[in-house]
């Protein structure tokens, strides 16, 4: 296992059942810059979110290589493709909403915090520079 921070591993941030099922092998060999970005995301953002929440987080999607991002219908400008974003799903809309609100009140730095599909999951991104602290809602 390759730890990017005390509680997050490279393996969990590149995991993808879709990539395994469809043979997208490049998903599992991210570039050094992607690994650097994932490390920053973990250290500067996800660890702080975990600490504020007080419990482990379930990352449902982290890095996506361009081919995987296209296969799942992701945005063509998705920060997932740069290793700068993670989707968190705590198992229920109520818990996801509580996490979203906890992140907002915590003052944790982020680029985007997105309520996706009525808190089906929470998207959070972090960039090395110029984080916009942008909050968005994506509806069906």
C-alpha atoms as a PDB file:
ATOM      1  CA  UNK A   1       0.000   0.000   0.000  1.00  0.00           C
ATOM      2  CA  UNK A   2       1.187   3.493  -0.836  1.00  0.00           C
ATOM      3  CA  UNK A   3       0.129   6.066   1.753  1.00  0.00           C
ATOM      4  CA  UNK A   4      -0.341   9.597   0.437  1.00  0.00           C
ATOM      5  CA  UNK A   5      -1.226  10.849   3.930  1.00  0.00           C
ATOM      6  CA  UNK A   6      -1.862   9.164   7.295  1.00  0.00           C
ATOM      7  CA  UNK A   7      -5.359   7.916   6.358  1.00  0.00           C
ATOM      8  CA  UNK A   8      -5.480   7.817   2.545  1.00  0.00           C
ATOM      9  CA  UNK A   9      -3.735   5.564   0.051  1.00  0.00           C
ATOM     10  CA  UNK A  10      -2.972   5.866  -3.620  1.00  0.00           C
ATOM     11  CA  UNK A  11      -4.791   2.591  -4.191  1.00  0.00           C
ATOM     12  CA  UNK A  12      -8.098   3.895  -2.808  1.00  0.00           C
ATOM     13  CA  UNK A  13      -7.808   7.106  -4.803  1.00  0.00           C
ATOM     14  CA  UNK A  14      -7.263   5.331  -8.138  1.00  0.00           C
ATOM     15  CA  UNK A  15      -9.689   2.447  -7.512  1.00  0.00           C
ATOM     16  CA  UNK A  16     -12.341   1.915 -10.187  1.00  0.00           C
ATOM     17  CA  UNK A  17     -14.607  -1.037 -10.809  1.00  0.00           C
ATOM     18  CA  UNK A  18     -15.473   0.449 -14.211  1.00  0.00           C
ATOM     19  CA  UNK A  19     -11.786   0.549 -15.203  1.00  0.00           C
ATOM     20  CA  UNK A  20     -11.300  -3.061 -14.099  1.00  0.00           C
ATOM     21  CA  UNK A  21     -14.442  -4.228 -15.881  1.00  0.00           C
ATOM     22  CA  UNK A  22     -13.655  -2.398 -19.136  1.00  0.00           C
ATOM     23  CA  UNK A  23      -9.889  -2.960 -19.180  1.00  0.00           C
ATOM     24  CA  UNK A  24      -8.813   0.667 -18.766  1.00  0.00           C
ATOM     25  CA  UNK A  25      -5.363  -0.222 -17.453  1.00  0.00           C
ATOM     26  CA  UNK A  26      -3.898   3.303 -17.558  1.00  0.00           C
ATOM     27  CA  UNK A  27      -6.213   4.188 -14.650  1.00  0.00           C
ATOM     28  CA  UNK A  28      -3.867   2.285 -12.354  1.00  0.00           C
ATOM     29  CA  UNK A  29      -0.636   3.958 -13.516  1.00  0.00           C
ATOM     30  CA  UNK A  30      -1.083   7.684 -12.813  1.00  0.00           C
ATOM     31  CA  UNK A  31       1.640  10.133 -13.796  1.00  0.00           C
ATOM     32  CA  UNK A  32       3.947  11.631 -11.159  1.00  0.00           C
ATOM     33  CA  UNK A  33       2.104  14.978 -11.368  1.00  0.00           C
ATOM     34  CA  UNK A  34      -1.215  13.229 -10.709  1.00  0.00           C
ATOM     35  CA  UNK A  35       0.301  11.461  -7.678  1.00  0.00           C
ATOM     36  CA  UNK A  36       1.641  14.826  -6.443  1.00  0.00           C
ATOM     37  CA  UNK A  37      -1.816  16.382  -6.866  1.00  0.00           C
ATOM     38  CA  UNK A  38      -3.481  13.454  -5.088  1.00  0.00           C
ATOM     39  CA  UNK A  39      -1.010  13.816  -2.229  1.00  0.00           C
ATOM     40  CA  UNK A  40      -1.842  17.519  -1.892  1.00  0.00           C
ATOM     41  CA  UNK A  41      -5.559  16.710  -2.010  1.00  0.00           C
ATOM     42  CA  UNK A  42      -5.115  14.167   0.789  1.00  0.00           C
ATOM     43  CA  UNK A  43      -2.780  16.188   3.018  1.00  0.00           C
ATOM     44  CA  UNK A  44      -4.298  19.641   2.590  1.00  0.00           C
ATOM     45  CA  UNK A  45      -7.961  18.742   2.224  1.00  0.00           C
ATOM     46  CA  UNK A  46      -9.157  15.173   2.872  1.00  0.00           C
ATOM     47  CA  UNK A  47      -7.207  14.742   6.127  1.00  0.00           C
ATOM     48  CA  UNK A  48      -8.728  17.996   7.385  1.00  0.00           C
ATOM     49  CA  UNK A  49     -12.208  16.911   6.319  1.00  0.00           C
ATOM     50  CA  UNK A  50     -11.714  13.583   8.115  1.00  0.00           C
ATOM     51  CA  UNK A  51     -10.577  15.386  11.253  1.00  0.00           C
ATOM     52  CA  UNK A  52     -13.532  17.810  11.167  1.00  0.00           C
ATOM     53  CA  UNK A  53     -15.980  14.940  10.559  1.00  0.00           C
ATOM     54  CA  UNK A  54     -14.413  12.808  13.273  1.00  0.00           C
ATOM     55  CA  UNK A  55     -14.809   9.527  11.399  1.00  0.00           C
ATOM     56  CA  UNK A  56     -13.282   7.755   8.374  1.00  0.00           C
ATOM     57  CA  UNK A  57     -14.453   8.860   4.938  1.00  0.00           C
ATOM     58  CA  UNK A  58     -15.445   6.633   2.026  1.00  0.00           C
ATOM     59  CA  UNK A  59     -13.933   7.898  -1.223  1.00  0.00           C
ATOM     60  CA  UNK A  60     -16.199   6.662  -4.013  1.00  0.00           C
ATOM     61  CA  UNK A  61     -14.142   8.291  -6.782  1.00  0.00           C
ATOM     62  CA  UNK A  62     -10.756   9.970  -6.840  1.00  0.00           C
ATOM     63  CA  UNK A  63      -8.437  10.149  -9.821  1.00  0.00           C
ATOM     64  CA  UNK A  64      -9.920   9.268 -13.213  1.00  0.00           C
ATOM     65  CA  UNK A  65      -7.747   8.904 -16.281  1.00  0.00           C
ATOM     66  CA  UNK A  66      -9.271  10.655 -19.309  1.00  0.00           C
ATOM     67  CA  UNK A  67     -10.569   7.407 -20.836  1.00  0.00           C
ATOM     68  CA  UNK A  68     -12.293   6.386 -17.590  1.00  0.00           C
ATOM     69  CA  UNK A  69     -13.717   9.873 -17.142  1.00  0.00           C
ATOM     70  CA  UNK A  70     -15.208   9.665 -20.637  1.00  0.00           C
ATOM     71  CA  UNK A  71     -16.532   6.137 -20.026  1.00  0.00           C
ATOM     72  CA  UNK A  72     -18.502   7.250 -16.964  1.00  0.00           C
ATOM     73  CA  UNK A  73     -19.766  10.454 -18.596  1.00  0.00           C
ATOM     74  CA  UNK A  74     -17.676  12.828 -16.474  1.00  0.00           C
ATOM     75  CA  UNK A  75     -17.201  16.487 -17.319  1.00  0.00           C
ATOM     76  CA  UNK A  76     -14.557  17.118 -19.977  1.00  0.00           C
ATOM     77  CA  UNK A  77     -12.957  19.609 -17.573  1.00  0.00           C
ATOM     78  CA  UNK A  78     -13.216  17.387 -14.488  1.00  0.00           C
ATOM     79  CA  UNK A  79     -10.583  18.006 -11.849  1.00  0.00           C
ATOM     80  CA  UNK A  80     -10.698  14.250 -11.175  1.00  0.00           C
ATOM     81  CA  UNK A  81      -8.517  13.852 -14.296  1.00  0.00           C
ATOM     82  CA  UNK A  82      -5.778  15.941 -12.660  1.00  0.00           C
ATOM     83  CA  UNK A  83      -5.912  14.104  -9.340  1.00  0.00           C
ATOM     84  CA  UNK A  84      -7.378  17.197  -7.702  1.00  0.00           C
ATOM     85  CA  UNK A  85     -10.803  15.884  -6.653  1.00  0.00           C
ATOM     86  CA  UNK A  86     -12.574  13.205  -4.668  1.00  0.00           C
ATOM     87  CA  UNK A  87     -16.185  12.175  -4.280  1.00  0.00           C
ATOM     88  CA  UNK A  88     -17.192  11.193  -0.763  1.00  0.00           C
ATOM     89  CA  UNK A  89     -20.196   8.994   0.001  1.00  0.00           C
ATOM     90  CA  UNK A  90     -21.015   8.289   3.635  1.00  0.00           C
ATOM     91  CA  UNK A  91     -23.857   5.936   2.782  1.00  0.00           C
ATOM     92  CA  UNK A  92     -26.899   8.198   2.989  1.00  0.00           C
ATOM     93  CA  UNK A  93     -28.066  11.557   1.689  1.00  0.00           C
ATOM     94  CA  UNK A  94     -28.514  12.766   5.267  1.00  0.00           C
ATOM     95  CA  UNK A  95     -24.934  11.940   6.268  1.00  0.00           C
ATOM     96  CA  UNK A  96     -23.580  13.390   3.014  1.00  0.00           C
ATOM     97  CA  UNK A  97     -25.491  16.615   3.639  1.00  0.00           C
ATOM     98  CA  UNK A  98     -24.191  16.768   7.221  1.00  0.00           C
ATOM     99  CA  UNK A  99     -20.634  16.309   5.908  1.00  0.00           C
ATOM    100  CA  UNK A 100     -21.136  19.051   3.302  1.00  0.00           C
ATOM    101  CA  UNK A 101     -22.318  21.470   5.994  1.00  0.00           C
ATOM    102  CA  UNK A 102     -19.469  20.447   8.324  1.00  0.00           C
ATOM    103  CA  UNK A 103     -16.941  21.218   5.568  1.00  0.00           C
ATOM    104  CA  UNK A 104     -18.518  24.640   4.984  1.00  0.00           C
ATOM    105  CA  UNK A 105     -18.441  25.588   8.659  1.00  0.00           C
ATOM    106  CA  UNK A 106     -14.923  24.210   9.205  1.00  0.00           C
ATOM    107  CA  UNK A 107     -13.083  26.760   7.076  1.00  0.00           C
ATOM    108  CA  UNK A 108     -11.177  23.998   5.256  1.00  0.00           C
ATOM    109  CA  UNK A 109      -9.667  25.297   2.028  1.00  0.00           C
ATOM    110  CA  UNK A 110     -11.082  23.795  -1.179  1.00  0.00           C
ATOM    111  CA  UNK A 111     -11.510  24.730  -4.796  1.00  0.00           C
ATOM    112  CA  UNK A 112     -15.020  23.342  -5.282  1.00  0.00           C
ATOM    113  CA  UNK A 113     -17.506  21.721  -2.933  1.00  0.00           C
ATOM    114  CA  UNK A 114     -20.410  20.233  -4.851  1.00  0.00           C
ATOM    115  CA  UNK A 115     -23.705  18.767  -3.685  1.00  0.00           C
ATOM    116  CA  UNK A 116     -24.233  16.187  -6.419  1.00  0.00           C
ATOM    117  CA  UNK A 117     -27.757  14.928  -7.123  1.00  0.00           C
ATOM    118  CA  UNK A 118     -29.379  15.900  -3.817  1.00  0.00           C
ATOM    119  CA  UNK A 119     -26.439  14.727  -1.703  1.00  0.00           C
ATOM    120  CA  UNK A 120     -26.022  11.380  -3.428  1.00  0.00           C
ATOM    121  CA  UNK A 121     -22.359  12.168  -2.762  1.00  0.00           C
ATOM    122  CA  UNK A 122     -20.165  15.190  -2.020  1.00  0.00           C
ATOM    123  CA  UNK A 123     -17.473  16.298  -4.462  1.00  0.00           C
ATOM    124  CA  UNK A 124     -14.504  18.211  -3.081  1.00  0.00           C
ATOM    125  CA  UNK A 125     -11.512  19.485  -5.012  1.00  0.00           C
ATOM    126  CA  UNK A 126      -8.259  21.140  -4.048  1.00  0.00           C
ATOM    127  CA  UNK A 127      -5.676  22.868  -6.221  1.00  0.00           C
ATOM    128  CA  UNK A 128      -2.110  23.816  -5.365  1.00  0.00           C
ATOM    129  CA  UNK A 129      -2.921  27.507  -6.017  1.00  0.00           C
ATOM    130  CA  UNK A 130      -5.943  29.752  -6.379  1.00  0.00           C
ATOM    131  CA  UNK A 131      -8.627  27.674  -4.668  1.00  0.00           C
ATOM    132  CA  UNK A 132     -11.925  29.407  -5.419  1.00  0.00           C
ATOM    133  CA  UNK A 133     -13.945  28.132  -2.407  1.00  0.00           C
ATOM    134  CA  UNK A 134     -16.805  27.641  -4.873  1.00  0.00           C
ATOM    135  CA  UNK A 135     -19.973  25.828  -3.779  1.00  0.00           C
ATOM    136  CA  UNK A 136     -22.209  24.303  -6.431  1.00  0.00           C
ATOM    137  CA  UNK A 137     -25.264  22.115  -6.825  1.00  0.00           C
ATOM    138  CA  UNK A 138     -25.629  19.563  -9.609  1.00  0.00           C
ATOM    139  CA  UNK A 139     -29.210  18.427 -10.216  1.00  0.00           C
ATOM    140  CA  UNK A 140     -30.521  15.593 -12.323  1.00  0.00           C
END
